[in-house]
C-alpha atoms as a PDB file:
ATOM      1  CA  MET A   1       0.000   0.000   0.000  1.00  0.00           C
ATOM      2  CA  THR A   2       1.264   3.488  -0.831  1.00  0.00           C
ATOM      3  CA  ASP A   3       2.292   5.505   2.215  1.00  0.00           C
ATOM      4  CA  LEU A   4       0.340   8.735   1.795  1.00  0.00           C
ATOM      5  CA  ARG A   5       2.380  10.312   4.585  1.00  0.00           C
ATOM      6  CA  ALA A   6       5.669   9.832   2.797  1.00  0.00           C
ATOM      7  CA  PRO A   7       7.625  13.056   2.231  1.00  0.00           C
ATOM      8  CA  GLN A   8       7.466  14.447  -1.269  1.00  0.00           C
ATOM      9  CA  PRO A   9      10.565  15.502  -3.194  1.00  0.00           C
ATOM     10  CA  ALA A  10       8.983  18.561  -4.811  1.00  0.00           C
ATOM     11  CA  GLY A  11       6.012  20.838  -4.306  1.00  0.00           C
ATOM     12  CA  ALA A  12       5.692  19.968  -0.610  1.00  0.00           C
ATOM     13  CA  ALA A  13       3.041  22.620   0.028  1.00  0.00           C
ATOM     14  CA  HIS A  14       0.749  20.909  -2.454  1.00  0.00           C
ATOM     15  CA  PHE A  15       0.879  17.671  -0.479  1.00  0.00           C
ATOM     16  CA  THR A  16      -0.012  19.147   2.918  1.00  0.00           C
ATOM     17  CA  GLU A  17      -3.267  17.439   3.819  1.00  0.00           C
ATOM     18  CA  GLU A  18      -4.475  19.908   6.460  1.00  0.00           C
ATOM     19  CA  ALA A  19      -4.725  23.683   6.248  1.00  0.00           C
ATOM     20  CA  ASP A  20      -4.390  26.044   9.187  1.00  0.00           C
ATOM     21  CA  LEU A  21      -7.475  26.190  11.384  1.00  0.00           C
ATOM     22  CA  ALA A  22      -9.624  29.132  10.342  1.00  0.00           C
ATOM     23  CA  GLU A  23     -12.770  30.743  11.660  1.00  0.00           C
ATOM     24  CA  GLY A  24     -14.303  31.396   8.249  1.00  0.00           C
ATOM     25  CA  PRO A  25     -17.026  33.929   7.440  1.00  0.00           C
ATOM     26  CA  VAL A  26     -19.633  33.832  10.197  1.00  0.00           C
ATOM     27  CA  ALA A  27     -23.156  35.205   9.858  1.00  0.00           C
ATOM     28  CA  SER A  28     -24.838  36.643  12.944  1.00  0.00           C
ATOM     29  CA  ALA A  29     -28.204  35.431  14.208  1.00  0.00           C
ATOM     30  CA  ALA A  30     -29.688  38.685  12.936  1.00  0.00           C
ATOM     31  CA  VAL A  31     -28.398  37.958   9.426  1.00  0.00           C
ATOM     32  CA  VAL A  32     -29.829  34.429   9.492  1.00  0.00           C
ATOM     33  CA  THR A  33     -33.191  35.793  10.661  1.00  0.00           C
ATOM     34  CA  ARG A  34     -33.176  38.469   7.953  1.00  0.00           C
ATOM     35  CA  LEU A  35     -32.253  36.063   5.173  1.00  0.00           C
ATOM     36  CA  SER A  36     -34.805  33.457   6.230  1.00  0.00           C
ATOM     37  CA  THR A  37     -37.573  35.804   5.082  1.00  0.00           C
ATOM     38  CA  HIS A  38     -36.342  35.834   1.488  1.00  0.00           C
ATOM     39  CA  GLY A  39     -37.916  32.609   0.281  1.00  0.00           C
ATOM     40  CA  PRO A  40     -36.141  30.101  -1.995  1.00  0.00           C
ATOM     41  CA  ALA A  41     -36.127  32.310  -5.100  1.00  0.00           C
ATOM     42  CA  GLY A  42     -34.720  35.284  -3.211  1.00  0.00           C
ATOM     43  CA  LEU A  43     -32.100  33.156  -1.490  1.00  0.00           C
ATOM     44  CA  ALA A  44     -31.052  31.638  -4.827  1.00  0.00           C
ATOM     45  CA  ALA A  45     -30.551  35.116  -6.259  1.00  0.00           C
ATOM     46  CA  LEU A  46     -28.558  36.179  -3.185  1.00  0.00           C
ATOM     47  CA  VAL A  47     -26.166  33.208  -3.425  1.00  0.00           C
ATOM     48  CA  GLU A  48     -25.045  34.511  -6.826  1.00  0.00           C
ATOM     49  CA  GLU A  49     -25.149  38.241  -6.028  1.00  0.00           C
ATOM     50  CA  VAL A  50     -21.598  39.419  -6.560  1.00  0.00           C
ATOM     51  CA  THR A  51     -22.000  42.489  -4.311  1.00  0.00           C
ATOM     52  CA  ALA A  52     -23.303  40.502  -1.316  1.00  0.00           C
ATOM     53  CA  PRO A  53     -20.871  39.642   1.510  1.00  0.00           C
ATOM     54  CA  LEU A  54     -19.507  36.110   1.412  1.00  0.00           C
ATOM     55  CA  ALA A  55     -21.125  35.310   4.780  1.00  0.00           C
ATOM     56  CA  ASP A  56     -24.530  36.275   3.368  1.00  0.00           C
ATOM     57  CA  ARG A  57     -24.002  34.186   0.225  1.00  0.00           C
ATOM     58  CA  LEU A  58     -22.942  31.123   2.209  1.00  0.00           C
ATOM     59  CA  THR A  59     -25.797  31.546   4.682  1.00  0.00           C
ATOM     60  CA  ALA A  60     -28.307  31.862   1.843  1.00  0.00           C
ATOM     61  CA  GLY A  61     -26.887  28.710   0.289  1.00  0.00           C
ATOM     62  CA  GLY A  62     -27.064  26.898   3.617  1.00  0.00           C
ATOM     63  CA  LEU A  63     -30.725  27.784   4.032  1.00  0.00           C
ATOM     64  CA  LEU A  64     -31.427  26.603   0.484  1.00  0.00           C
ATOM     65  CA  ALA A  65     -29.839  23.254   1.268  1.00  0.00           C
ATOM     66  CA  LEU A  66     -32.556  22.765   3.896  1.00  0.00           C
ATOM     67  CA  LEU A  67     -35.459  24.394   2.045  1.00  0.00           C
ATOM     68  CA  GLY A  68     -34.723  23.014  -1.413  1.00  0.00           C
ATOM     69  CA  ASP A  69     -32.627  24.859  -3.962  1.00  0.00           C
ATOM     70  CA  PRO A  70     -34.662  25.926  -7.020  1.00  0.00           C
ATOM     71  CA  ARG A  71     -31.458  26.077  -9.086  1.00  0.00           C
ATOM     72  CA  ILE A  72     -31.079  22.278  -8.799  1.00  0.00           C
ATOM     73  CA  GLY A  73     -33.573  20.414 -10.954  1.00  0.00           C
ATOM     74  CA  ASP A  74     -34.007  17.043 -12.619  1.00  0.00           C
ATOM     75  CA  ARG A  75     -31.786  18.207 -15.485  1.00  0.00           C
ATOM     76  CA  PRO A  76     -28.668  20.358 -15.304  1.00  0.00           C
ATOM     77  CA  ALA A  77     -28.967  24.061 -16.020  1.00  0.00           C
ATOM     78  CA  VAL A  78     -26.641  24.664 -18.956  1.00  0.00           C
ATOM     79  CA  CYS A  79     -24.697  27.425 -20.690  1.00  0.00           C
ATOM     80  CA  PRO A  80     -24.366  27.415 -24.496  1.00  0.00           C
ATOM     81  CA  VAL A  81     -20.818  27.526 -25.844  1.00  0.00           C
ATOM     82  CA  PRO A  82     -20.360  28.333 -29.550  1.00  0.00           C
ATOM     83  CA  GLY A  83     -17.987  25.986 -31.329  1.00  0.00           C
ATOM     84  CA  GLY A  84     -15.257  26.725 -33.840  1.00  0.00           C
ATOM     85  CA  GLU A  85     -11.494  26.439 -34.025  1.00  0.00           C
ATOM     86  CA  VAL A  86     -10.132  27.346 -30.586  1.00  0.00           C
ATOM     87  CA  GLU A  87      -6.673  27.588 -29.036  1.00  0.00           C
ATOM     88  CA  ILE A  88      -5.859  25.277 -26.144  1.00  0.00           C
ATOM     89  CA  GLY A  89      -2.705  25.088 -24.038  1.00  0.00           C
ATOM     90  CA  LEU A  90       0.181  27.302 -22.967  1.00  0.00           C
ATOM     91  CA  ASP A  91       3.053  28.903 -24.851  1.00  0.00           C
ATOM     92  CA  PRO A  92       6.260  27.133 -23.681  1.00  0.00           C
ATOM     93  CA  ARG A  93       7.814  30.554 -23.046  1.00  0.00           C
ATOM     94  CA  ARG A  94       5.332  31.067 -20.217  1.00  0.00           C
ATOM     95  CA  VAL A  95       6.249  27.911 -18.302  1.00  0.00           C
ATOM     96  CA  ALA A  96       9.050  29.480 -16.258  1.00  0.00           C
ATOM     97  CA  PRO A  97       7.128  32.687 -15.368  1.00  0.00           C
ATOM     98  CA  VAL A  98       4.034  30.727 -14.306  1.00  0.00           C
ATOM     99  CA  ALA A  99       6.079  28.336 -12.183  1.00  0.00           C
ATOM    100  CA  ALA A 100       7.923  31.255 -10.586  1.00  0.00           C
ATOM    101  CA  ALA A 101       4.658  33.034  -9.788  1.00  0.00           C
ATOM    102  CA  TRP A 102       3.445  29.987  -7.852  1.00  0.00           C
ATOM    103  CA  ALA A 103       6.768  28.763  -6.463  1.00  0.00           C
ATOM    104  CA  HIS A 104       5.683  29.896  -2.980  1.00  0.00           C
ATOM    105  CA  VAL A 105       3.218  26.986  -2.876  1.00  0.00           C
ATOM    106  CA  GLY A 106       5.632  24.459  -4.348  1.00  0.00           C
ATOM    107  CA  VAL A 107       4.706  24.529  -8.023  1.00  0.00           C
ATOM    108  CA  THR A 108       7.416  23.189 -10.305  1.00  0.00           C
ATOM    109  CA  ALA A 109       8.025  23.937 -13.983  1.00  0.00           C
ATOM    110  CA  GLU A 110       7.542  20.251 -14.791  1.00  0.00           C
ATOM    111  CA  TRP A 111       3.914  20.434 -13.723  1.00  0.00           C
ATOM    112  CA  ILE A 112       3.263  23.480 -15.890  1.00  0.00           C
ATOM    113  CA  ASP A 113       5.021  21.898 -18.853  1.00  0.00           C
ATOM    114  CA  LYS A 114       2.041  19.535 -19.208  1.00  0.00           C
ATOM    115  CA  GLU A 115       0.045  22.524 -20.491  1.00  0.00           C
ATOM    116  CA  THR A 116       2.260  23.072 -23.564  1.00  0.00           C
ATOM    117  CA  PRO A 117       2.229  23.735 -26.431  1.00  0.00           C
ATOM    118  CA  VAL A 118      -0.585  25.927 -27.746  1.00  0.00           C
ATOM    119  CA  HIS A 119      -2.545  24.006 -30.366  1.00  0.00           C
ATOM    120  CA  ARG A 120      -5.810  24.397 -32.216  1.00  0.00           C
ATOM    121  CA  VAL A 121      -8.846  22.200 -31.663  1.00  0.00           C
ATOM    122  CA  GLU A 122     -12.049  22.191 -33.688  1.00  0.00           C
ATOM    123  CA  LEU A 123     -15.099  22.162 -31.410  1.00  0.00           C
ATOM    124  CA  ALA A 124     -18.733  21.752 -32.389  1.00  0.00           C
ATOM    125  CA  ASP A 125     -21.328  23.818 -30.540  1.00  0.00           C
ATOM    126  CA  TYR A 126     -21.929  22.388 -27.068  1.00  0.00           C
ATOM    127  CA  TRP A 127     -23.648  23.094 -23.775  1.00  0.00           C
ATOM    128  CA  ILE A 128     -21.848  22.896 -20.436  1.00  0.00           C
ATOM    129  CA  ALA A 129     -23.531  22.641 -17.045  1.00  0.00           C
ATOM    130  CA  ARG A 130     -23.722  25.892 -15.118  1.00  0.00           C
ATOM    131  CA  TYR A 131     -22.759  24.092 -11.897  1.00  0.00           C
ATOM    132  CA  PRO A 132     -20.934  20.900 -10.953  1.00  0.00           C
ATOM    133  CA  VAL A 133     -23.161  17.954 -10.022  1.00  0.00           C
ATOM    134  CA  THR A 134     -24.404  18.372  -6.450  1.00  0.00           C
ATOM    135  CA  ASN A 135     -24.898  15.986  -3.562  1.00  0.00           C
ATOM    136  CA  ALA A 136     -28.672  16.221  -4.063  1.00  0.00           C
ATOM    137  CA  GLU A 137     -28.383  15.181  -7.703  1.00  0.00           C
ATOM    138  CA  TYR A 138     -26.001  12.352  -6.874  1.00  0.00           C
ATOM    139  CA  ARG A 139     -28.393  11.116  -4.180  1.00  0.00           C
ATOM    140  CA  ARG A 140     -31.110  10.648  -6.816  1.00  0.00           C
ATOM    141  CA  TYR A 141     -28.660   8.566  -8.833  1.00  0.00           C
ATOM    142  CA  LEU A 142     -27.795   6.414  -5.817  1.00  0.00           C
ATOM    143  CA  ALA A 143     -31.462   5.908  -4.950  1.00  0.00           C
ATOM    144  CA  ASP A 144     -32.016   4.596  -8.473  1.00  0.00           C
ATOM    145  CA  THR A 145     -28.753   2.621  -8.608  1.00  0.00           C
ATOM    146  CA  PRO A 146     -28.441   0.519  -5.426  1.00  0.00           C
ATOM    147  CA  THR A 147     -25.158  -1.094  -6.533  1.00  0.00           C
ATOM    148  CA  ALA A 148     -23.319   2.242  -6.891  1.00  0.00           C
ATOM    149  CA  GLY A 149     -20.834   3.205  -4.193  1.00  0.00           C
ATOM    150  CA  ARG A 150     -21.340   6.291  -2.078  1.00  0.00           C
ATOM    151  CA  PRO A 151     -18.979   9.281  -2.231  1.00  0.00           C
ATOM    152  CA  ARG A 152     -16.034   8.977   0.112  1.00  0.00           C
ATOM    153  CA  THR A 153     -16.709  12.474   1.459  1.00  0.00           C
ATOM    154  CA  TRP A 154     -20.111  11.442   2.869  1.00  0.00           C
ATOM    155  CA  TYR A 155     -19.350  10.891   6.567  1.00  0.00           C
ATOM    156  CA  LEU A 156     -20.084   7.261   7.443  1.00  0.00           C
ATOM    157  CA  GLY A 157     -21.904   6.997   4.110  1.00  0.00           C
ATOM    158  CA  ALA A 158     -24.752   9.240   5.254  1.00  0.00           C
ATOM    159  CA  TYR A 159     -26.284  11.716   2.816  1.00  0.00           C
ATOM    160  CA  PRO A 160     -25.132  15.251   3.827  1.00  0.00           C
ATOM    161  CA  TRP A 161     -28.566  16.900   3.726  1.00  0.00           C
ATOM    162  CA  GLU A 162     -27.121  20.150   5.062  1.00  0.00           C
ATOM    163  CA  ARG A 163     -24.851  20.232   1.976  1.00  0.00           C
ATOM    164  CA  ALA A 164     -27.416  19.161  -0.583  1.00  0.00           C
ATOM    165  CA  ASN A 165     -26.455  22.005  -2.938  1.00  0.00           C
ATOM    166  CA  HIS A 166     -22.695  21.577  -2.539  1.00  0.00           C
ATOM    167  CA  PRO A 167     -20.801  19.761  -5.304  1.00  0.00           C
ATOM    168  CA  VAL A 168     -20.467  16.041  -4.841  1.00  0.00           C
ATOM    169  CA  ALA A 169     -16.866  14.952  -4.322  1.00  0.00           C
ATOM    170  CA  GLY A 170     -14.959  11.838  -3.432  1.00  0.00           C
ATOM    171  CA  VAL A 171     -16.020   9.899  -6.526  1.00  0.00           C
ATOM    172  CA  ASP A 172     -13.947   8.255  -9.238  1.00  0.00           C
ATOM    173  CA  ALA A 173     -13.908   9.115 -12.920  1.00  0.00           C
ATOM    174  CA  ASP A 174     -15.775   5.899 -13.716  1.00  0.00           C
ATOM    175  CA  ASP A 175     -18.472   6.935 -11.230  1.00  0.00           C
ATOM    176  CA  ALA A 176     -18.859  10.217 -13.099  1.00  0.00           C
ATOM    177  CA  ASP A 177     -19.188   8.380 -16.423  1.00  0.00           C
ATOM    178  CA  ARG A 178     -21.800   6.046 -14.948  1.00  0.00           C
ATOM    179  CA  TYR A 179     -23.760   9.003 -13.577  1.00  0.00           C
ATOM    180  CA  ALA A 180     -23.817  10.646 -17.019  1.00  0.00           C
ATOM    181  CA  ALA A 181     -25.005   7.392 -18.609  1.00  0.00           C
ATOM    182  CA  TRP A 182     -27.734   7.037 -15.955  1.00  0.00           C
ATOM    183  CA  LEU A 183     -28.975  10.588 -16.482  1.00  0.00           C
ATOM    184  CA  SER A 184     -28.980  10.030 -20.246  1.00  0.00           C
ATOM    185  CA  ARG A 185     -31.248   7.023 -19.809  1.00  0.00           C
ATOM    186  CA  ARG A 186     -33.448   8.824 -17.306  1.00  0.00           C
ATOM    187  CA  THR A 187     -33.959  11.959 -19.396  1.00  0.00           C
ATOM    188  CA  GLY A 188     -33.653  10.595 -22.923  1.00  0.00           C
ATOM    189  CA  HIS A 189     -30.982  13.203 -23.619  1.00  0.00           C
ATOM    190  CA  PRO A 190     -27.262  12.460 -24.227  1.00  0.00           C
ATOM    191  CA  TRP A 191     -25.252  13.749 -21.263  1.00  0.00           C
ATOM    192  CA  ARG A 192     -21.509  13.217 -20.829  1.00  0.00           C
ATOM    193  CA  LEU A 193     -18.436  14.737 -19.260  1.00  0.00           C
ATOM    194  CA  PRO A 194     -16.901  17.621 -21.226  1.00  0.00           C
ATOM    195  CA  THR A 195     -13.749  16.921 -23.148  1.00  0.00           C
ATOM    196  CA  GLU A 196     -10.612  18.565 -21.825  1.00  0.00           C
ATOM    197  CA  ALA A 197     -10.674  21.089 -24.676  1.00  0.00           C
ATOM    198  CA  GLU A 198     -14.355  21.876 -24.082  1.00  0.00           C
ATOM    199  CA  TRP A 199     -13.736  22.422 -20.389  1.00  0.00           C
ATOM    200  CA  GLU A 200     -10.781  24.739 -21.017  1.00  0.00           C
ATOM    201  CA  HIS A 201     -12.621  26.753 -23.660  1.00  0.00           C
ATOM    202  CA  ALA A 202     -15.639  27.194 -21.373  1.00  0.00           C
ATOM    203  CA  ALA A 203     -13.297  28.465 -18.649  1.00  0.00           C
ATOM    204  CA  ALA A 204     -10.815  30.581 -20.635  1.00  0.00           C
ATOM    205  CA  GLY A 205     -12.993  31.769 -23.495  1.00  0.00           C
ATOM    206  CA  PRO A 206     -11.930  33.477 -26.718  1.00  0.00           C
ATOM    207  CA  ARG A 207      -9.662  35.856 -24.761  1.00  0.00           C
ATOM    208  CA  ARG A 208      -7.745  32.868 -23.317  1.00  0.00           C
ATOM    209  CA  THR A 209      -7.688  34.300 -19.808  1.00  0.00           C
ATOM    210  CA  ASP A 210      -5.622  32.660 -17.081  1.00  0.00           C
ATOM    211  CA  PHE A 211      -8.659  32.364 -14.797  1.00  0.00           C
ATOM    212  CA  PRO A 212     -12.360  32.281 -15.650  1.00  0.00           C
ATOM    213  CA  TRP A 213     -12.704  35.904 -14.521  1.00  0.00           C
ATOM    214  CA  GLY A 214      -9.505  37.341 -16.011  1.00  0.00           C
ATOM    215  CA  ASP A 215      -5.725  37.127 -15.877  1.00  0.00           C
ATOM    216  CA  GLY A 216      -5.011  37.867 -12.213  1.00  0.00           C
ATOM    217  CA  PHE A 217      -5.685  35.487  -9.333  1.00  0.00           C
ATOM    218  CA  ASP A 218      -8.430  36.722  -6.982  1.00  0.00           C
ATOM    219  CA  PRO A 219      -9.110  34.681  -3.808  1.00  0.00           C
ATOM    220  CA  THR A 220     -12.576  36.242  -3.534  1.00  0.00           C
ATOM    221  CA  ALA A 221     -13.588  34.817  -6.932  1.00  0.00           C
ATOM    222  CA  ALA A 222     -13.063  31.119  -6.144  1.00  0.00           C
ATOM    223  CA  ASN A 223     -13.168  28.777  -3.171  1.00  0.00           C
ATOM    224  CA  THR A 224      -9.492  27.780  -3.028  1.00  0.00           C
ATOM    225  CA  ARG A 225      -7.127  27.267  -0.115  1.00  0.00           C
ATOM    226  CA  GLU A 226      -6.305  30.983  -0.126  1.00  0.00           C
ATOM    227  CA  THR A 227      -9.953  31.819   0.563  1.00  0.00           C
ATOM    228  CA  GLY A 228      -9.748  30.118   3.956  1.00  0.00           C
ATOM    229  CA  LEU A 229     -12.978  28.071   4.016  1.00  0.00           C
ATOM    230  CA  HIS A 230     -11.243  24.710   3.576  1.00  0.00           C
ATOM    231  CA  THR A 231     -14.551  23.016   2.839  1.00  0.00           C
ATOM    232  CA  THR A 232     -16.984  22.898  -0.046  1.00  0.00           C
ATOM    233  CA  SER A 233     -19.454  25.728  -0.609  1.00  0.00           C
ATOM    234  CA  PRO A 234     -22.918  25.922  -2.188  1.00  0.00           C
ATOM    235  CA  VAL A 235     -22.634  25.936  -5.963  1.00  0.00           C
ATOM    236  CA  GLY A 236     -22.489  29.428  -7.434  1.00  0.00           C
ATOM    237  CA  ALA A 237     -21.544  31.109  -4.148  1.00  0.00           C
ATOM    238  CA  PHE A 238     -18.469  32.721  -5.758  1.00  0.00           C
ATOM    239  CA  PRO A 239     -20.181  34.656  -8.574  1.00  0.00           C
ATOM    240  CA  ALA A 240     -17.162  36.876  -9.245  1.00  0.00           C
ATOM    241  CA  GLY A 241     -15.616  33.763 -10.778  1.00  0.00           C
ATOM    242  CA  ARG A 242     -18.341  33.345 -13.407  1.00  0.00           C
ATOM    243  CA  SER A 243     -16.805  32.460 -16.783  1.00  0.00           C
ATOM    244  CA  TRP A 244     -17.500  34.216 -20.075  1.00  0.00           C
ATOM    245  CA  CYS A 245     -20.183  31.634 -21.004  1.00  0.00           C
ATOM    246  CA  GLY A 246     -21.960  31.896 -17.650  1.00  0.00           C
ATOM    247  CA  ALA A 247     -20.624  28.754 -15.939  1.00  0.00           C
ATOM    248  CA  LEU A 248     -19.851  28.969 -12.214  1.00  0.00           C
ATOM    249  CA  ASP A 249     -17.313  27.145 -10.042  1.00  0.00           C
ATOM    250  CA  LEU A 250     -15.003  26.333 -12.945  1.00  0.00           C
ATOM    251  CA  ALA A 251     -12.318  27.514 -10.522  1.00  0.00           C
ATOM    252  CA  GLY A 252     -12.252  26.239  -6.960  1.00  0.00           C
ATOM    253  CA  ASN A 253     -14.786  24.374  -4.806  1.00  0.00           C
ATOM    254  CA  VAL A 254     -13.974  20.872  -6.140  1.00  0.00           C
ATOM    255  CA  GLU A 255     -11.793  19.667  -8.970  1.00  0.00           C
ATOM    256  CA  GLU A 256     -13.694  18.285 -11.948  1.00  0.00           C
ATOM    257  CA  TYR A 257     -13.035  15.202 -14.017  1.00  0.00           C
ATOM    258  CA  VAL A 258     -13.140  15.637 -17.779  1.00  0.00           C
ATOM    259  CA  ALA A 259     -13.610  12.925 -20.393  1.00  0.00           C
ATOM    260  CA  ASP A 260      -9.912  12.513 -21.269  1.00  0.00           C
ATOM    261  CA  ASP A 261      -7.042  10.619 -19.705  1.00  0.00           C
ATOM    262  CA  TYR A 262      -3.756  12.509 -19.473  1.00  0.00           C
ATOM    263  CA  ARG A 263      -1.578  12.435 -22.546  1.00  0.00           C
ATOM    264  CA  PRO A 264       0.806  15.029 -23.952  1.00  0.00           C
ATOM    265  CA  TYR A 265      -0.617  17.649 -26.255  1.00  0.00           C
ATOM    266  CA  PRO A 266       0.353  17.433 -29.943  1.00  0.00           C
ATOM    267  CA  GLY A 267       4.017  18.417 -30.143  1.00  0.00           C
ATOM    268  CA  GLY A 268       4.453  18.284 -26.364  1.00  0.00           C
ATOM    269  CA  ARG A 269       6.414  15.878 -24.217  1.00  0.00           C
ATOM    270  CA  ALA A 270       4.983  13.318 -21.801  1.00  0.00           C
ATOM    271  CA  VAL A 271       5.571  14.496 -18.236  1.00  0.00           C
ATOM    272  CA  HIS A 272       6.190  11.635 -15.812  1.00  0.00           C
ATOM    273  CA  ASP A 273       5.667  13.583 -12.610  1.00  0.00           C
ATOM    274  CA  ASP A 274       4.739  12.367  -9.116  1.00  0.00           C
ATOM    275  CA  LEU A 275       1.145  11.701 -10.185  1.00  0.00           C
ATOM    276  CA  VAL A 276       2.186   9.342 -12.972  1.00  0.00           C
ATOM    277  CA  THR A 277       4.668   7.695 -10.624  1.00  0.00           C
ATOM    278  CA  ARG A 278       2.046   7.032  -7.970  1.00  0.00           C
ATOM    279  CA  VAL A 279      -1.086   6.199  -9.969  1.00  0.00           C
ATOM    280  CA  GLY A 280       0.061   5.554 -13.545  1.00  0.00           C
ATOM    281  CA  ARG A 281      -2.621   6.344 -16.116  1.00  0.00           C
ATOM    282  CA  TYR A 282      -5.105   8.901 -14.821  1.00  0.00           C
ATOM    283  CA  ARG A 283      -8.116  10.949 -15.844  1.00  0.00           C
ATOM    284  CA  VAL A 284      -7.470  14.670 -16.121  1.00  0.00           C
ATOM    285  CA  ALA A 285      -9.140  16.890 -13.519  1.00  0.00           C
ATOM    286  CA  ARG A 286      -9.507  20.631 -13.901  1.00  0.00           C
ATOM    287  CA  GLY A 287     -10.278  23.744 -11.880  1.00  0.00           C
ATOM    288  CA  GLY A 288      -8.725  23.247  -8.455  1.00  0.00           C
ATOM    289  CA  SER A 289     -10.591  22.977  -5.163  1.00  0.00           C
ATOM    290  CA  PHE A 290     -11.088  24.395  -1.687  1.00  0.00           C
ATOM    291  CA  ALA A 291      -8.198  22.220  -0.496  1.00  0.00           C
ATOM    292  CA  ARG A 292      -5.709  23.256  -3.182  1.00  0.00           C
ATOM    293  CA  TYR A 293      -3.912  26.500  -3.984  1.00  0.00           C
ATOM    294  CA  GLY A 294      -4.967  28.920  -6.682  1.00  0.00           C
ATOM    295  CA  ASP A 295      -2.486  27.663  -9.274  1.00  0.00           C
ATOM    296  CA  LEU A 296      -4.815  24.707  -9.854  1.00  0.00           C
ATOM    297  CA  ALA A 297      -7.632  27.151 -10.591  1.00  0.00           C
ATOM    298  CA  ARG A 298      -5.807  28.353 -13.711  1.00  0.00           C
ATOM    299  CA  THR A 299      -7.792  27.606 -16.850  1.00  0.00           C
ATOM    300  CA  ARG A 300      -4.904  25.720 -18.523  1.00  0.00           C
ATOM    301  CA  ARG A 301      -3.789  23.667 -15.509  1.00  0.00           C
ATOM    302  CA  ARG A 302      -3.864  19.906 -16.054  1.00  0.00           C
ATOM    303  CA  HIS A 303      -4.038  17.783 -12.946  1.00  0.00           C
ATOM    304  CA  GLY A 304      -5.514  14.528 -11.654  1.00  0.00           C
ATOM    305  CA  ALA A 305      -6.901  12.812  -8.567  1.00  0.00           C
ATOM    306  CA  HIS A 306      -3.840  12.547  -6.339  1.00  0.00           C
ATOM    307  CA  PRO A 307      -4.077   9.852  -3.637  1.00  0.00           C
ATOM    308  CA  GLY A 308      -5.152  11.329  -0.324  1.00  0.00           C
ATOM    309  CA  PRO A 309      -8.330  12.435   1.470  1.00  0.00           C
ATOM    310  CA  LEU A 310      -7.987  16.103   0.635  1.00  0.00           C
ATOM    311  CA  TYR A 311      -8.001  15.870  -3.138  1.00  0.00           C
ATOM    312  CA  PRO A 312     -11.779  16.044  -3.508  1.00  0.00           C
ATOM    313  CA  VAL A 313     -12.798  15.545  -7.118  1.00  0.00           C
ATOM    314  CA  GLY A 314     -16.287  15.869  -8.595  1.00  0.00           C
ATOM    315  CA  PHE A 315     -17.557  16.622 -12.092  1.00  0.00           C
ATOM    316  CA  ARG A 316     -19.942  18.583 -14.248  1.00  0.00           C
ATOM    317  CA  LEU A 317     -21.820  17.513 -17.339  1.00  0.00           C
ATOM    318  CA  ALA A 318     -21.948  18.628 -20.941  1.00  0.00           C
ATOM    319  CA  THR A 319     -23.933  17.773 -24.034  1.00  0.00           C
ATOM    320  CA  GLY A 320     -23.518  18.226 -27.759  1.00  0.00           C
ATOM    321  CA  GLU A 321     -27.245  18.503 -28.427  1.00  0.00           C
ATOM    322  CA  PRO A 322     -29.600  21.370 -27.513  1.00  0.00           C
ATOM    323  CA  PRO A 323     -31.202  20.438 -24.175  1.00  0.00           C
ATOM    324  CA  ARG A 324     -34.890  19.745 -24.480  1.00  0.00           C
END
């Protein structure tokens, strides 16, 4: 068995399983009382109100988890993404500057080299889910699929009703594929995971920004380790991180599996880093999480499910047909 406590030769900060204890944004009883009068529709609007304080957004999301979140339906809410020939990847000349900018959290140039080179990909029109799949949605799948395993993040296997509208995490890539196949059968519509190129284009857009919101890292725009929550948050509660196509949580909250296993980009070299060494072939995950630093929230960053309890990975869906 792999010793998950073994010291790592590089990027030690990335392998620290526990963050510093933090208080987090706390709402007063008066705020809870005030927000409880909003009703589900008003609370849903408040969760995604960019000018509202984080404590208010999280409190509104927490109340919705108990009341029922109108944003979470039987089918995913989606954002249309026009297709065409798009650029994917990173210019090799940017590897050293990016690694240097994140060296304080242990990022190495080898990790960033997986993003090179820039290449063109032809995409058809597609639709990507506005939010990652939530615990509530995954519960419906489990209720209909008794043989499926429960997410590892569900304490003692119990459904986290107080986090119904948080992204599901602690599942494997095959679980995500099976969920998409189940929803396709249930709805009669073809759902799947986005390809790696589709995910990156939905996050970076035609301007090829470094983050869904722009080129500079902003800890208030995504639930990453820098934000200080160190736990999942209701979907959409970081609206400043909304991407150009309208998708939320493409940076932070939980990492997201895509449809592709890792392989070098055309013209790039295969990077046999610690992840390859420890797990071999792996499915690419994108977007970073509450437990990881902001470098993983970069739109070009290619990662995977590293062994350990604090690499929570979930997923969002996509489709190549207009949702009915």
